[in-house]
Every structure is written in structure tokens, then in C-alpha cells.
Amino acid sequence: MSPIVRRARGLLLRLIRRRRLTILLGIALAAPAGVVQLSGGSDAWWAEGLSLVAVATGMALIWTGVAGARPDWIDGAP
């Protein structure tokens, strides 16, 4: 794994531990992208695809902020 990918992964893992910041970042991503999706005013072909990715990422961050991060494994689970 490249150092850039490792740094980005570490940043994301540290971010999801801060629930309020995660929710705010999710809203900041999803709201403008949702406006682009619902308004249909963009003529650029790539804008709708980029806004779909931003909405999905924002919603995932909001969900993670609300539900919290789950552990990778549980000791003693069958």
C-alpha cells in the first residue's frame, strides 16, 4: 500500500472517532451534492456522477457518525 493511501486511511479512521465532526462533514458533502442531483441544472456530464459519489460518501459519514464505529472483531464470538 502506498504511503498516500495509508495516510488517507489513517486520517479517515481518526475522523470517524470524532462523531460530531463526522456528521458535520457528511452534511457538508451531501447537502450541496443533493442540490445538484435534485435541481438537474448541471449540464456537465461529470457533475452528476461526482455529486452521486459525494452524496453517497456524505450519507455514509452521517450514518457512521450517528451509529458509531463498530469493532473489527469481537473476541469470543462463535
Protein backbone atom coordinates (compact mmCIF):
# COMPACT_ATOMS: atom_id res chain seq x y z
CA MET A 1 0.00 0.00 0.00
CA SER A 2 1.37 3.39 -0.93
CA PRO A 3 2.17 5.96 1.77
CA ILE A 4 -0.51 8.32 0.46
CA VAL A 5 -3.20 5.67 0.75
CA ARG A 6 -2.01 4.75 4.25
CA ARG A 7 -2.14 8.38 5.34
CA ALA A 8 -5.62 8.85 3.88
CA ARG A 9 -6.83 5.68 5.60
CA GLY A 10 -5.37 6.82 8.92
CA LEU A 11 -6.99 10.22 8.55
CA LEU A 12 -10.37 8.62 7.83
CA LEU A 13 -10.07 6.26 10.80
CA ARG A 14 -9.21 9.16 13.12
CA LEU A 15 -12.09 11.19 11.69
CA ILE A 16 -14.79 8.60 12.38
CA ARG A 17 -13.87 8.55 16.07
CA ARG A 18 -14.99 12.19 16.31
CA ARG A 19 -18.72 11.75 15.80
CA ARG A 20 -19.86 15.38 15.63
CA LEU A 21 -17.17 16.31 13.13
CA THR A 22 -18.04 13.24 11.06
CA ILE A 23 -21.71 14.22 10.93
CA LEU A 24 -20.87 17.82 10.02
CA LEU A 25 -18.50 16.72 7.26
CA GLY A 26 -21.14 14.32 5.95
CA ILE A 27 -23.72 17.09 5.82
CA ALA A 28 -21.21 19.40 4.15
CA LEU A 29 -20.67 16.78 1.43
CA ALA A 30 -24.23 15.56 0.98
CA ALA A 31 -26.18 18.83 1.02
CA PRO A 32 -24.61 20.63 -1.98
CA ALA A 33 -24.35 17.40 -3.93
CA GLY A 34 -28.01 16.67 -3.20
CA VAL A 35 -28.94 20.07 -4.57
CA VAL A 36 -27.03 19.31 -7.78
CA GLN A 37 -28.82 15.96 -8.07
CA LEU A 38 -32.30 17.27 -7.39
CA SER A 39 -32.11 20.52 -9.35
CA GLY A 40 -30.99 18.95 -12.60
CA GLY A 41 -29.45 22.27 -13.57
CA SER A 42 -25.99 20.95 -14.34
CA ASP A 43 -25.14 20.48 -18.00
CA ALA A 44 -21.76 18.88 -17.38
CA TRP A 45 -21.90 15.10 -17.72
CA TRP A 46 -19.37 14.57 -14.95
CA ALA A 47 -21.13 16.79 -12.38
CA GLU A 48 -23.96 14.35 -11.75
CA GLY A 49 -21.58 11.42 -11.29
CA LEU A 50 -19.37 13.40 -8.94
CA SER A 51 -22.37 14.57 -6.97
CA LEU A 52 -23.61 10.97 -6.64
CA VAL A 53 -20.27 9.96 -5.16
CA ALA A 54 -20.35 12.97 -2.81
CA VAL A 55 -23.91 12.19 -1.68
CA ALA A 56 -23.04 8.56 -1.02
CA THR A 57 -19.88 9.48 0.88
CA GLY A 58 -21.71 12.14 2.88
CA MET A 59 -24.52 9.76 3.80
CA ALA A 60 -22.02 7.09 4.83
CA LEU A 61 -20.23 9.60 7.06
CA ILE A 62 -23.52 10.73 8.59
CA TRP A 63 -24.51 7.11 9.26
CA THR A 64 -21.15 6.34 10.82
CA GLY A 65 -21.40 9.46 13.00
CA VAL A 66 -24.86 8.52 14.21
CA ALA A 67 -24.38 4.77 14.65
CA GLY A 68 -20.73 4.87 15.72
CA ALA A 69 -17.86 2.76 14.52
CA ARG A 70 -18.15 -0.98 15.02
CA PRO A 71 -15.14 -3.01 16.12
CA ASP A 72 -13.29 -5.08 13.51
CA TRP A 73 -13.75 -8.22 15.55
CA ILE A 74 -15.35 -9.40 18.78
CA ASP A 75 -13.35 -11.77 20.97
CA GLY A 76 -15.12 -14.98 21.86
CA ALA A 77 -17.79 -14.72 19.18
CA PRO A 78 -18.89 -18.11 17.75
